[in-house]
């Protein structure tokens, strides 16, 4: 972690080495897939990971700042306030699905996600980005552009791209709500199984920076 200190008229760079046992907070910044649309907050996959970490990895904490229906534009508008309130060490961005389902311009989605990443990196906050997939309703050209967008952004900004956690969930009707879009209560533990080791690796990386 980098910090700056003024000594007289000079700006001095301080390198702060975080001990391995220090508390590290990871913020989930997403939409309904992470917010738990249609189920209790206490039953979401994020809450399940929180319970596991409290028992097995108390040095890590997880914060769910996801909002159902949020878009990349909405996320960009609220990011500064959320970061100021929670002061996370790492942020996992899971946004873009609602943009894609509504056919928003690819360049607009790219700009919003890039601005969010830039904002976080400028504050020495570790960033990871979720790959997002959408149904082919908008046509193959848009769907292909949307799919490749996330890998391009991750490469451009040198952030980790996390595979979309809904890929195996969405193909199982027993794990989906009746709308065919949102995971149901039974899916939350399965998503936690998928995401916990990946998010823990992100928290570990943030702790080492």
N, C-alpha and C. Protein backbone atom coordinates (compact mmCIF):
# COMPACT_ATOMS: atom_id res chain seq x y z
N UNK A 1 0.84 -1.18 0.00
CA UNK A 1 0.00 0.00 0.00
C UNK A 1 0.88 1.24 0.00
N UNK A 2 0.50 2.26 -0.78
CA UNK A 2 1.27 3.49 -0.86
C UNK A 2 0.55 4.62 -0.14
N UNK A 3 1.30 5.38 0.64
CA UNK A 3 0.78 6.55 1.29
C UNK A 3 1.75 7.70 1.07
N UNK A 4 1.25 8.93 1.12
CA UNK A 4 2.08 10.09 0.90
C UNK A 4 2.06 10.98 2.14
N UNK A 5 3.19 11.60 2.41
CA UNK A 5 3.32 12.44 3.58
C UNK A 5 4.12 13.68 3.20
N UNK A 6 3.64 14.85 3.62
CA UNK A 6 4.39 16.08 3.40
C UNK A 6 5.37 16.30 4.56
N UNK A 7 6.64 16.48 4.23
CA UNK A 7 7.67 16.83 5.21
C UNK A 7 8.24 18.17 4.77
N UNK A 8 7.85 19.22 5.46
CA UNK A 8 8.20 20.56 5.01
C UNK A 8 7.51 20.82 3.68
N UNK A 9 8.29 21.09 2.65
CA UNK A 9 7.73 21.33 1.33
C UNK A 9 7.86 20.12 0.41
N UNK A 10 8.35 18.99 0.95
CA UNK A 10 8.58 17.82 0.13
C UNK A 10 7.47 16.79 0.32
N UNK A 11 7.09 16.17 -0.78
CA UNK A 11 6.12 15.08 -0.74
C UNK A 11 6.88 13.77 -0.70
N UNK A 12 6.70 13.01 0.38
CA UNK A 12 7.46 11.77 0.59
C UNK A 12 6.53 10.59 0.40
N UNK A 13 6.99 9.62 -0.38
CA UNK A 13 6.24 8.38 -0.58
C UNK A 13 6.59 7.38 0.51
N UNK A 14 5.55 6.88 1.18
CA UNK A 14 5.74 5.87 2.20
C UNK A 14 5.18 4.55 1.70
N UNK A 15 5.95 3.48 1.80
CA UNK A 15 5.46 2.15 1.46
C UNK A 15 5.05 1.46 2.74
N UNK A 16 3.77 1.15 2.83
CA UNK A 16 3.23 0.53 4.04
C UNK A 16 3.07 -0.95 3.79
N UNK A 17 3.75 -1.77 4.52
CA UNK A 17 3.65 -3.22 4.39
C UNK A 17 2.59 -3.73 5.34
N UNK A 18 1.53 -4.31 4.77
CA UNK A 18 0.44 -4.81 5.60
C UNK A 18 0.77 -6.22 6.10
N UNK A 19 0.73 -6.45 7.40
CA UNK A 19 0.97 -7.79 7.89
C UNK A 19 -0.10 -8.76 7.43
N UNK A 20 0.27 -10.04 7.31
CA UNK A 20 -0.65 -11.03 6.77
C UNK A 20 -1.91 -11.17 7.62
N UNK A 21 -1.80 -10.85 8.92
CA UNK A 21 -2.94 -11.02 9.81
C UNK A 21 -3.88 -9.82 9.82
N UNK A 22 -3.55 -8.78 9.04
CA UNK A 22 -4.37 -7.58 9.08
C UNK A 22 -5.74 -7.83 8.45
N UNK A 23 -6.74 -7.09 8.91
CA UNK A 23 -8.07 -7.22 8.35
C UNK A 23 -8.11 -6.62 6.95
N UNK A 24 -8.73 -7.33 6.03
CA UNK A 24 -8.87 -6.89 4.65
C UNK A 24 -10.34 -6.95 4.28
N UNK A 25 -10.85 -5.86 3.75
CA UNK A 25 -12.26 -5.81 3.39
C UNK A 25 -12.42 -5.85 1.87
N UNK A 26 -13.34 -6.67 1.42
CA UNK A 26 -13.67 -6.83 0.00
C UNK A 26 -15.11 -6.39 -0.20
N UNK A 27 -15.30 -5.46 -1.14
CA UNK A 27 -16.63 -4.92 -1.40
C UNK A 27 -17.18 -5.51 -2.69
N UNK A 28 -18.40 -6.04 -2.63
CA UNK A 28 -19.09 -6.55 -3.80
C UNK A 28 -19.96 -5.43 -4.35
N UNK A 29 -19.67 -5.03 -5.58
CA UNK A 29 -20.33 -3.87 -6.20
C UNK A 29 -21.07 -4.37 -7.44
N UNK A 30 -22.31 -4.81 -7.23
CA UNK A 30 -23.01 -5.46 -8.32
C UNK A 30 -24.47 -5.10 -8.42
N UNK A 31 -25.20 -5.97 -9.13
CA UNK A 31 -26.63 -5.75 -9.35
C UNK A 31 -27.44 -6.84 -8.66
N UNK A 32 -28.60 -7.18 -9.21
CA UNK A 32 -29.51 -8.11 -8.54
C UNK A 32 -28.92 -9.50 -8.35
N UNK A 33 -27.98 -9.91 -9.20
CA UNK A 33 -27.39 -11.23 -9.06
C UNK A 33 -26.60 -11.36 -7.77
N UNK A 34 -26.06 -10.25 -7.31
CA UNK A 34 -25.33 -10.24 -6.04
C UNK A 34 -26.16 -9.68 -4.89
N UNK A 35 -27.13 -8.83 -5.21
CA UNK A 35 -27.96 -8.21 -4.17
C UNK A 35 -28.97 -9.19 -3.58
N UNK A 36 -29.29 -10.27 -4.34
CA UNK A 36 -30.24 -11.25 -3.83
C UNK A 36 -31.67 -10.92 -4.16
N UNK A 37 -31.94 -10.59 -5.41
CA UNK A 37 -33.30 -10.29 -5.85
C UNK A 37 -34.24 -11.43 -5.51
N UNK A 38 -35.33 -11.10 -4.81
CA UNK A 38 -36.36 -12.08 -4.51
C UNK A 38 -36.09 -12.93 -3.29
N UNK A 39 -34.97 -12.73 -2.62
CA UNK A 39 -34.67 -13.50 -1.42
C UNK A 39 -34.17 -12.55 -0.32
N UNK A 40 -34.08 -13.06 0.88
CA UNK A 40 -33.61 -12.27 2.01
C UNK A 40 -32.11 -11.98 1.88
N UNK A 41 -31.72 -10.80 2.35
CA UNK A 41 -30.30 -10.45 2.35
C UNK A 41 -29.47 -11.47 3.11
N UNK A 42 -30.02 -12.01 4.18
CA UNK A 42 -29.29 -12.98 5.00
C UNK A 42 -29.08 -14.30 4.28
N UNK A 43 -29.81 -14.51 3.17
CA UNK A 43 -29.71 -15.78 2.46
C UNK A 43 -28.92 -15.69 1.16
N UNK A 44 -28.35 -14.53 0.86
CA UNK A 44 -27.61 -14.36 -0.39
C UNK A 44 -26.29 -15.12 -0.35
N UNK A 45 -25.72 -15.33 -1.52
CA UNK A 45 -24.42 -16.00 -1.59
C UNK A 45 -23.33 -15.16 -0.93
N UNK A 46 -23.48 -13.84 -0.98
CA UNK A 46 -22.50 -12.98 -0.32
C UNK A 46 -22.56 -13.17 1.19
N UNK A 47 -23.77 -13.24 1.74
CA UNK A 47 -23.93 -13.47 3.18
C UNK A 47 -23.39 -14.84 3.58
N UNK A 48 -23.55 -15.82 2.71
CA UNK A 48 -23.02 -17.16 3.00
C UNK A 48 -21.48 -17.13 3.05
N UNK A 49 -20.86 -16.40 2.13
CA UNK A 49 -19.41 -16.27 2.18
C UNK A 49 -18.98 -15.53 3.44
N UNK A 50 -19.73 -14.52 3.82
CA UNK A 50 -19.42 -13.79 5.04
C UNK A 50 -19.41 -14.72 6.25
N UNK A 51 -20.40 -15.60 6.33
CA UNK A 51 -20.45 -16.56 7.45
C UNK A 51 -19.25 -17.49 7.42
N UNK A 52 -18.87 -17.95 6.25
CA UNK A 52 -17.72 -18.85 6.13
C UNK A 52 -16.43 -18.15 6.55
N UNK A 53 -16.28 -16.91 6.13
CA UNK A 53 -15.06 -16.17 6.48
C UNK A 53 -15.00 -15.86 7.96
N UNK A 54 -16.14 -15.55 8.55
CA UNK A 54 -16.15 -15.28 9.99
C UNK A 54 -15.66 -16.50 10.77
N UNK A 55 -15.95 -17.67 10.27
CA UNK A 55 -15.54 -18.89 10.96
C UNK A 55 -14.12 -19.31 10.61
N UNK A 56 -13.78 -19.27 9.31
CA UNK A 56 -12.52 -19.85 8.85
C UNK A 56 -11.44 -18.84 8.50
N UNK A 57 -11.85 -17.64 8.11
CA UNK A 57 -10.87 -16.61 7.68
C UNK A 57 -11.26 -15.26 8.27
N UNK A 58 -11.19 -15.12 9.58
CA UNK A 58 -11.67 -13.89 10.23
C UNK A 58 -10.87 -12.65 9.85
N UNK A 59 -9.72 -12.83 9.21
CA UNK A 59 -8.93 -11.67 8.79
C UNK A 59 -9.55 -10.98 7.57
N UNK A 60 -10.51 -11.65 6.92
CA UNK A 60 -11.16 -11.09 5.75
C UNK A 60 -12.63 -10.77 6.05
N UNK A 61 -13.08 -9.65 5.50
CA UNK A 61 -14.50 -9.30 5.63
C UNK A 61 -15.04 -8.97 4.25
N UNK A 62 -16.34 -9.18 4.08
CA UNK A 62 -16.98 -8.94 2.79
C UNK A 62 -18.17 -8.01 3.00
N UNK A 63 -18.32 -7.05 2.11
CA UNK A 63 -19.37 -6.04 2.19
C UNK A 63 -20.19 -6.11 0.92
N UNK A 64 -21.50 -6.20 1.03
CA UNK A 64 -22.35 -6.27 -0.15
C UNK A 64 -22.97 -4.90 -0.40
N UNK A 65 -22.47 -4.22 -1.44
CA UNK A 65 -23.02 -2.91 -1.83
C UNK A 65 -23.74 -3.01 -3.16
N UNK A 66 -24.33 -4.16 -3.42
CA UNK A 66 -25.04 -4.40 -4.68
C UNK A 66 -26.47 -3.89 -4.60
N UNK A 67 -27.00 -3.45 -5.74
CA UNK A 67 -28.37 -2.93 -5.83
C UNK A 67 -29.07 -3.57 -7.02
N UNK A 68 -30.22 -4.16 -6.79
CA UNK A 68 -30.98 -4.76 -7.88
C UNK A 68 -31.34 -3.71 -8.92
N UNK A 69 -31.16 -4.06 -10.18
CA UNK A 69 -31.48 -3.16 -11.27
C UNK A 69 -30.39 -2.19 -11.65
N UNK A 70 -29.28 -2.22 -10.93
CA UNK A 70 -28.24 -1.23 -11.19
C UNK A 70 -27.58 -1.48 -12.55
N UNK A 71 -27.12 -0.38 -13.16
CA UNK A 71 -26.40 -0.41 -14.41
C UNK A 71 -24.98 0.10 -14.18
N UNK A 72 -24.16 0.06 -15.21
CA UNK A 72 -22.81 0.61 -15.06
C UNK A 72 -22.86 2.12 -14.83
N UNK A 73 -23.81 2.79 -15.45
CA UNK A 73 -23.94 4.23 -15.24
C UNK A 73 -24.34 4.53 -13.80
N UNK A 74 -25.31 3.76 -13.28
CA UNK A 74 -25.72 3.93 -11.88
C UNK A 74 -24.58 3.60 -10.94
N UNK A 75 -23.81 2.55 -11.24
CA UNK A 75 -22.67 2.21 -10.41
C UNK A 75 -21.63 3.31 -10.38
N UNK A 76 -21.38 3.89 -11.55
CA UNK A 76 -20.40 4.98 -11.61
C UNK A 76 -20.85 6.17 -10.76
N UNK A 77 -22.13 6.46 -10.80
CA UNK A 77 -22.65 7.61 -10.02
C UNK A 77 -22.50 7.39 -8.53
N UNK A 78 -22.67 6.17 -8.05
CA UNK A 78 -22.67 5.94 -6.60
C UNK A 78 -21.35 5.43 -6.05
N UNK A 79 -20.39 5.17 -6.92
CA UNK A 79 -19.16 4.53 -6.47
C UNK A 79 -18.42 5.34 -5.42
N UNK A 80 -18.24 6.62 -5.65
CA UNK A 80 -17.44 7.44 -4.72
C UNK A 80 -18.04 7.42 -3.33
N UNK A 81 -19.36 7.52 -3.23
CA UNK A 81 -20.00 7.54 -1.91
C UNK A 81 -19.84 6.20 -1.21
N UNK A 82 -19.96 5.11 -1.96
CA UNK A 82 -19.82 3.77 -1.38
C UNK A 82 -18.39 3.55 -0.88
N UNK A 83 -17.42 3.96 -1.68
CA UNK A 83 -16.01 3.80 -1.29
C UNK A 83 -15.71 4.65 -0.07
N UNK A 84 -16.21 5.86 -0.04
CA UNK A 84 -15.98 6.74 1.11
C UNK A 84 -16.58 6.14 2.38
N UNK A 85 -17.74 5.53 2.26
CA UNK A 85 -18.42 4.99 3.44
C UNK A 85 -17.75 3.72 3.95
N UNK A 86 -17.31 2.85 3.05
CA UNK A 86 -16.82 1.53 3.47
C UNK A 86 -15.30 1.40 3.49
N UNK A 87 -14.58 2.25 2.76
CA UNK A 87 -13.12 2.21 2.73
C UNK A 87 -12.59 0.80 2.46
N UNK A 88 -13.01 0.19 1.35
CA UNK A 88 -12.58 -1.19 1.09
C UNK A 88 -11.13 -1.28 0.64
N UNK A 89 -10.55 -2.45 0.84
CA UNK A 89 -9.22 -2.74 0.32
C UNK A 89 -9.28 -3.29 -1.09
N UNK A 90 -10.41 -3.93 -1.42
CA UNK A 90 -10.59 -4.51 -2.75
C UNK A 90 -12.06 -4.38 -3.14
N UNK A 91 -12.29 -4.29 -4.45
CA UNK A 91 -13.66 -4.18 -4.97
C UNK A 91 -13.83 -5.18 -6.11
N UNK A 92 -14.90 -5.95 -6.03
CA UNK A 92 -15.29 -6.87 -7.10
C UNK A 92 -16.48 -6.25 -7.82
N UNK A 93 -16.28 -5.85 -9.09
CA UNK A 93 -17.33 -5.20 -9.87
C UNK A 93 -18.11 -6.26 -10.64
N UNK A 94 -19.39 -6.36 -10.35
CA UNK A 94 -20.29 -7.29 -11.06
C UNK A 94 -21.45 -6.46 -11.62
N UNK A 95 -21.15 -5.71 -12.67
CA UNK A 95 -22.14 -4.84 -13.30
C UNK A 95 -22.04 -4.97 -14.82
N UNK A 96 -23.13 -4.67 -15.48
CA UNK A 96 -23.19 -4.71 -16.93
C UNK A 96 -24.32 -5.55 -17.47
N UNK A 97 -24.85 -6.46 -16.65
CA UNK A 97 -25.93 -7.32 -17.12
C UNK A 97 -27.17 -6.55 -17.53
N UNK A 98 -27.56 -5.59 -16.71
CA UNK A 98 -28.76 -4.80 -17.04
C UNK A 98 -28.53 -3.91 -18.26
N UNK A 99 -27.30 -3.45 -18.42
CA UNK A 99 -26.96 -2.68 -19.62
C UNK A 99 -27.16 -3.55 -20.86
N UNK A 100 -26.64 -4.77 -20.80
CA UNK A 100 -26.72 -5.66 -21.94
C UNK A 100 -28.14 -6.08 -22.26
N UNK A 101 -28.92 -6.37 -21.23
CA UNK A 101 -30.31 -6.78 -21.45
C UNK A 101 -31.14 -5.66 -22.07
N UNK A 102 -30.72 -4.41 -21.85
CA UNK A 102 -31.45 -3.27 -22.40
C UNK A 102 -30.82 -2.75 -23.70
N UNK A 103 -29.76 -3.40 -24.13
CA UNK A 103 -29.14 -3.02 -25.38
C UNK A 103 -28.39 -1.70 -25.35
N UNK A 104 -27.85 -1.32 -24.19
CA UNK A 104 -27.09 -0.08 -24.10
C UNK A 104 -25.86 -0.15 -25.00
N UNK A 105 -25.39 0.99 -25.42
CA UNK A 105 -24.24 1.05 -26.32
C UNK A 105 -23.00 0.45 -25.66
N UNK A 106 -22.28 -0.36 -26.41
CA UNK A 106 -21.08 -1.02 -25.91
C UNK A 106 -20.06 0.01 -25.45
N UNK A 107 -19.88 1.08 -26.22
CA UNK A 107 -18.90 2.10 -25.86
C UNK A 107 -19.25 2.77 -24.54
N UNK A 108 -20.54 2.93 -24.27
CA UNK A 108 -20.97 3.53 -23.00
C UNK A 108 -20.66 2.60 -21.83
N UNK A 109 -20.93 1.32 -22.01
CA UNK A 109 -20.62 0.34 -20.95
C UNK A 109 -19.12 0.33 -20.68
N UNK A 110 -18.34 0.30 -21.76
CA UNK A 110 -16.89 0.30 -21.62
C UNK A 110 -16.40 1.53 -20.86
N UNK A 111 -16.92 2.69 -21.22
CA UNK A 111 -16.51 3.93 -20.58
C UNK A 111 -16.84 3.93 -19.09
N UNK A 112 -18.04 3.48 -18.75
CA UNK A 112 -18.47 3.47 -17.34
C UNK A 112 -17.61 2.53 -16.50
N UNK A 113 -17.37 1.32 -17.00
CA UNK A 113 -16.56 0.36 -16.26
C UNK A 113 -15.11 0.86 -16.15
N UNK A 114 -14.60 1.42 -17.21
CA UNK A 114 -13.22 1.93 -17.19
C UNK A 114 -13.07 3.06 -16.19
N UNK A 115 -14.06 3.94 -16.12
CA UNK A 115 -14.00 5.05 -15.16
C UNK A 115 -14.04 4.54 -13.73
N UNK A 116 -14.85 3.52 -13.48
CA UNK A 116 -14.90 2.94 -12.13
C UNK A 116 -13.55 2.34 -11.75
N UNK A 117 -12.97 1.57 -12.66
CA UNK A 117 -11.68 0.95 -12.39
C UNK A 117 -10.61 2.01 -12.17
N UNK A 118 -10.61 3.02 -13.01
CA UNK A 118 -9.63 4.09 -12.89
C UNK A 118 -9.77 4.79 -11.53
N UNK A 119 -10.99 5.05 -11.12
CA UNK A 119 -11.24 5.70 -9.83
C UNK A 119 -10.66 4.86 -8.69
N UNK A 120 -10.90 3.57 -8.72
CA UNK A 120 -10.44 2.69 -7.65
C UNK A 120 -8.92 2.54 -7.66
N UNK A 121 -8.35 2.35 -8.83
CA UNK A 121 -6.90 2.18 -8.91
C UNK A 121 -6.16 3.44 -8.47
N UNK A 122 -6.73 4.60 -8.74
CA UNK A 122 -6.11 5.84 -8.29
C UNK A 122 -6.08 5.96 -6.78
N UNK A 123 -6.90 5.16 -6.10
CA UNK A 123 -6.95 5.16 -4.64
C UNK A 123 -6.30 3.91 -4.06
N UNK A 124 -5.51 3.22 -4.88
CA UNK A 124 -4.79 2.02 -4.45
C UNK A 124 -5.72 0.94 -3.92
N UNK A 125 -6.90 0.85 -4.52
CA UNK A 125 -7.86 -0.20 -4.16
C UNK A 125 -7.76 -1.30 -5.21
N UNK A 126 -7.55 -2.53 -4.75
CA UNK A 126 -7.43 -3.66 -5.66
C UNK A 126 -8.78 -3.91 -6.35
N UNK A 127 -8.74 -4.15 -7.66
CA UNK A 127 -9.97 -4.29 -8.44
C UNK A 127 -10.00 -5.63 -9.15
N UNK A 128 -11.17 -6.27 -9.12
CA UNK A 128 -11.43 -7.44 -9.94
C UNK A 128 -12.76 -7.21 -10.65
N UNK A 129 -12.87 -7.72 -11.87
CA UNK A 129 -14.05 -7.51 -12.71
C UNK A 129 -14.68 -8.84 -13.06
N UNK A 130 -16.00 -8.91 -12.94
CA UNK A 130 -16.71 -10.12 -13.32
C UNK A 130 -17.02 -10.12 -14.81
N UNK A 131 -16.74 -11.24 -15.47
CA UNK A 131 -17.27 -11.46 -16.80
C UNK A 131 -18.80 -11.53 -16.69
N UNK A 132 -19.50 -10.97 -17.63
CA UNK A 132 -20.96 -11.02 -17.65
C UNK A 132 -21.40 -11.61 -18.99
N UNK A 133 -22.41 -12.46 -18.93
CA UNK A 133 -22.99 -13.03 -20.14
C UNK A 133 -24.47 -12.67 -20.18
N UNK A 134 -25.01 -12.48 -21.38
CA UNK A 134 -26.43 -12.18 -21.55
C UNK A 134 -27.03 -13.15 -22.57
N UNK A 135 -28.35 -13.36 -22.53
CA UNK A 135 -29.01 -14.17 -23.56
C UNK A 135 -28.83 -13.51 -24.93
N UNK A 136 -29.01 -14.27 -26.01
CA UNK A 136 -28.76 -13.73 -27.35
C UNK A 136 -29.90 -12.90 -27.92
N UNK A 137 -30.74 -12.34 -27.05
CA UNK A 137 -31.92 -11.61 -27.51
C UNK A 137 -31.58 -10.42 -28.39
N UNK A 138 -30.42 -9.79 -28.16
CA UNK A 138 -30.07 -8.57 -28.88
C UNK A 138 -29.39 -8.86 -30.22
N UNK A 139 -29.29 -10.14 -30.56
CA UNK A 139 -28.66 -10.51 -31.82
C UNK A 139 -27.21 -10.91 -31.63
N UNK A 140 -26.67 -11.73 -32.54
CA UNK A 140 -25.32 -12.27 -32.36
C UNK A 140 -24.23 -11.21 -32.35
N UNK A 141 -24.35 -10.16 -33.17
CA UNK A 141 -23.30 -9.15 -33.22
C UNK A 141 -23.16 -8.44 -31.88
N UNK A 142 -24.28 -8.00 -31.33
CA UNK A 142 -24.24 -7.30 -30.05
C UNK A 142 -23.76 -8.24 -28.95
N UNK A 143 -24.28 -9.46 -28.96
CA UNK A 143 -23.92 -10.42 -27.92
C UNK A 143 -22.42 -10.71 -27.93
N UNK A 144 -21.84 -10.88 -29.11
CA UNK A 144 -20.41 -11.14 -29.21
C UNK A 144 -19.59 -9.93 -28.73
N UNK A 145 -20.01 -8.73 -29.12
CA UNK A 145 -19.31 -7.53 -28.68
C UNK A 145 -19.39 -7.38 -27.17
N UNK A 146 -20.56 -7.68 -26.62
CA UNK A 146 -20.75 -7.56 -25.18
C UNK A 146 -19.87 -8.56 -24.45
N UNK A 147 -19.83 -9.78 -24.93
CA UNK A 147 -19.04 -10.83 -24.26
C UNK A 147 -17.55 -10.48 -24.23
N UNK A 148 -17.03 -9.99 -25.35
CA UNK A 148 -15.60 -9.70 -25.43
C UNK A 148 -15.22 -8.41 -24.70
N UNK A 149 -16.21 -7.58 -24.42
CA UNK A 149 -15.96 -6.29 -23.77
C UNK A 149 -15.21 -6.44 -22.46
N UNK A 150 -15.60 -7.40 -21.63
CA UNK A 150 -15.07 -7.51 -20.27
C UNK A 150 -13.61 -7.96 -20.27
N UNK A 151 -13.28 -8.89 -21.14
CA UNK A 151 -11.89 -9.32 -21.24
C UNK A 151 -11.01 -8.18 -21.74
N UNK A 152 -11.53 -7.40 -22.68
CA UNK A 152 -10.76 -6.27 -23.20
C UNK A 152 -10.49 -5.22 -22.11
N UNK A 153 -11.52 -4.94 -21.31
CA UNK A 153 -11.36 -3.96 -20.23
C UNK A 153 -10.38 -4.48 -19.19
N UNK A 154 -10.50 -5.75 -18.82
CA UNK A 154 -9.60 -6.32 -17.82
C UNK A 154 -8.15 -6.26 -18.29
N UNK A 155 -7.93 -6.56 -19.56
CA UNK A 155 -6.57 -6.51 -20.09
C UNK A 155 -6.06 -5.07 -20.14
N UNK A 156 -6.92 -4.16 -20.57
CA UNK A 156 -6.51 -2.76 -20.69
C UNK A 156 -6.08 -2.18 -19.35
N UNK A 157 -6.80 -2.52 -18.30
CA UNK A 157 -6.54 -1.93 -16.99
C UNK A 157 -5.76 -2.85 -16.05
N UNK A 158 -5.37 -4.02 -16.57
CA UNK A 158 -4.57 -4.96 -15.79
C UNK A 158 -5.27 -5.36 -14.49
N UNK A 159 -6.54 -5.77 -14.62
CA UNK A 159 -7.28 -6.26 -13.47
C UNK A 159 -7.70 -7.71 -13.74
N UNK A 160 -7.95 -8.43 -12.67
CA UNK A 160 -8.35 -9.83 -12.80
C UNK A 160 -9.77 -9.93 -13.35
N UNK A 161 -9.99 -10.82 -14.31
CA UNK A 161 -11.31 -11.10 -14.84
C UNK A 161 -11.80 -12.41 -14.23
N UNK A 162 -12.90 -12.34 -13.50
CA UNK A 162 -13.46 -13.50 -12.82
C UNK A 162 -14.56 -14.11 -13.69
N UNK A 163 -14.53 -15.41 -13.95
CA UNK A 163 -15.57 -16.03 -14.78
C UNK A 163 -16.97 -15.77 -14.22
N UNK A 164 -17.94 -15.68 -15.11
CA UNK A 164 -19.32 -15.38 -14.72
C UNK A 164 -19.89 -16.53 -13.89
N UNK A 165 -20.29 -16.24 -12.67
CA UNK A 165 -20.70 -17.31 -11.75
C UNK A 165 -22.05 -17.91 -12.10
N UNK A 166 -22.80 -17.30 -13.03
CA UNK A 166 -24.11 -17.81 -13.38
C UNK A 166 -24.09 -18.85 -14.50
N UNK A 167 -22.94 -19.11 -15.10
CA UNK A 167 -22.90 -19.97 -16.27
C UNK A 167 -23.49 -21.36 -15.99
N UNK A 168 -23.06 -22.00 -14.92
CA UNK A 168 -23.58 -23.33 -14.59
C UNK A 168 -24.91 -23.25 -13.86
N UNK A 169 -25.16 -22.16 -13.16
CA UNK A 169 -26.41 -22.00 -12.42
C UNK A 169 -27.59 -21.81 -13.36
N UNK A 170 -27.42 -20.95 -14.36
CA UNK A 170 -28.53 -20.57 -15.25
C UNK A 170 -29.05 -21.73 -16.08
N UNK A 171 -28.24 -22.76 -16.29
CA UNK A 171 -28.67 -23.90 -17.11
C UNK A 171 -29.43 -24.95 -16.29
N UNK A 172 -29.56 -24.73 -14.99
CA UNK A 172 -30.28 -25.66 -14.11
C UNK A 172 -31.59 -25.01 -13.66
N UNK A 173 -32.73 -25.42 -14.21
CA UNK A 173 -34.01 -24.79 -13.84
C UNK A 173 -34.30 -24.86 -12.34
N UNK A 174 -33.76 -25.86 -11.67
CA UNK A 174 -33.99 -26.01 -10.24
C UNK A 174 -33.29 -24.97 -9.40
N UNK A 175 -32.38 -24.21 -10.02
CA UNK A 175 -31.63 -23.18 -9.30
C UNK A 175 -32.05 -21.76 -9.70
N UNK A 176 -33.07 -21.68 -10.56
CA UNK A 176 -33.48 -20.37 -11.08
C UNK A 176 -34.90 -20.01 -10.64
N UNK A 177 -35.11 -18.71 -10.46
CA UNK A 177 -36.45 -18.23 -10.20
C UNK A 177 -37.29 -18.34 -11.48
N UNK A 178 -38.58 -18.10 -11.34
CA UNK A 178 -39.50 -18.30 -12.46
C UNK A 178 -39.23 -17.36 -13.62
N UNK A 179 -38.52 -16.23 -13.37
CA UNK A 179 -38.24 -15.29 -14.45
C UNK A 179 -37.11 -15.78 -15.37
N UNK A 180 -36.42 -16.84 -14.95
CA UNK A 180 -35.36 -17.39 -15.77
C UNK A 180 -34.09 -16.56 -15.78
N UNK A 181 -34.03 -15.51 -14.96
CA UNK A 181 -32.88 -14.60 -14.94
C UNK A 181 -32.14 -14.66 -13.61
N UNK A 182 -32.90 -14.73 -12.51
CA UNK A 182 -32.31 -14.61 -11.18
C UNK A 182 -32.19 -15.97 -10.49
N UNK A 183 -31.07 -16.20 -9.81
CA UNK A 183 -30.92 -17.44 -9.05
C UNK A 183 -31.86 -17.47 -7.86
N UNK A 184 -32.33 -18.65 -7.51
CA UNK A 184 -33.25 -18.78 -6.38
C UNK A 184 -32.49 -19.05 -5.08
N UNK A 185 -33.24 -19.30 -4.03
CA UNK A 185 -32.65 -19.53 -2.72
C UNK A 185 -31.71 -20.73 -2.74
N UNK A 186 -32.11 -21.79 -3.43
CA UNK A 186 -31.30 -23.01 -3.46
C UNK A 186 -29.95 -22.79 -4.16
N UNK A 187 -29.89 -21.78 -5.02
CA UNK A 187 -28.66 -21.54 -5.79
C UNK A 187 -27.60 -20.81 -4.99
N UNK A 188 -27.98 -20.16 -3.91
CA UNK A 188 -27.05 -19.27 -3.22
C UNK A 188 -25.83 -20.01 -2.66
N UNK A 189 -26.03 -21.16 -2.09
CA UNK A 189 -24.89 -21.91 -1.54
C UNK A 189 -23.98 -22.39 -2.66
N UNK A 190 -24.59 -22.79 -3.80
CA UNK A 190 -23.78 -23.22 -4.93
C UNK A 190 -22.94 -22.08 -5.47
N UNK A 191 -23.52 -20.87 -5.53
CA UNK A 191 -22.75 -19.70 -6.00
C UNK A 191 -21.63 -19.39 -5.00
N UNK A 192 -21.94 -19.51 -3.71
CA UNK A 192 -20.91 -19.28 -2.69
C UNK A 192 -19.75 -20.27 -2.87
N UNK A 193 -20.06 -21.52 -3.20
CA UNK A 193 -19.01 -22.52 -3.43
C UNK A 193 -18.13 -22.11 -4.60
N UNK A 194 -18.74 -21.55 -5.63
CA UNK A 194 -17.99 -21.10 -6.81
C UNK A 194 -17.13 -19.88 -6.49
N UNK A 195 -17.72 -18.93 -5.79
CA UNK A 195 -17.10 -17.62 -5.63
C UNK A 195 -16.17 -17.50 -4.44
N UNK A 196 -16.37 -18.27 -3.39
CA UNK A 196 -15.58 -18.08 -2.17
C UNK A 196 -14.08 -18.19 -2.41
N UNK A 197 -13.59 -19.26 -3.05
CA UNK A 197 -12.14 -19.33 -3.23
C UNK A 197 -11.60 -18.23 -4.14
N UNK A 198 -12.38 -17.82 -5.11
CA UNK A 198 -11.92 -16.75 -6.01
C UNK A 198 -11.86 -15.41 -5.30
N UNK A 199 -12.88 -15.12 -4.50
CA UNK A 199 -12.88 -13.85 -3.77
C UNK A 199 -11.84 -13.86 -2.66
N UNK A 200 -11.60 -15.01 -2.06
CA UNK A 200 -10.55 -15.09 -1.03
C UNK A 200 -9.19 -14.83 -1.65
N UNK A 201 -8.97 -15.34 -2.87
CA UNK A 201 -7.70 -15.07 -3.56
C UNK A 201 -7.55 -13.57 -3.85
N UNK A 202 -8.65 -12.92 -4.18
CA UNK A 202 -8.61 -11.47 -4.42
C UNK A 202 -8.27 -10.74 -3.13
N UNK A 203 -8.88 -11.13 -2.02
CA UNK A 203 -8.58 -10.52 -0.74
C UNK A 203 -7.13 -10.75 -0.35
N UNK A 204 -6.62 -11.95 -0.60
CA UNK A 204 -5.21 -12.25 -0.30
C UNK A 204 -4.29 -11.37 -1.12
N UNK A 205 -4.63 -11.16 -2.39
CA UNK A 205 -3.82 -10.31 -3.24
C UNK A 205 -3.83 -8.87 -2.74
N UNK A 206 -5.01 -8.39 -2.33
CA UNK A 206 -5.10 -7.04 -1.79
C UNK A 206 -4.26 -6.89 -0.52
N UNK A 207 -4.22 -7.94 0.29
CA UNK A 207 -3.45 -7.89 1.53
C UNK A 207 -1.95 -7.82 1.27
N UNK A 208 -1.53 -8.35 0.14
CA UNK A 208 -0.10 -8.39 -0.17
C UNK A 208 0.40 -7.11 -0.86
N UNK A 209 -0.51 -6.25 -1.24
CA UNK A 209 -0.11 -5.04 -1.99
C UNK A 209 0.24 -3.89 -1.05
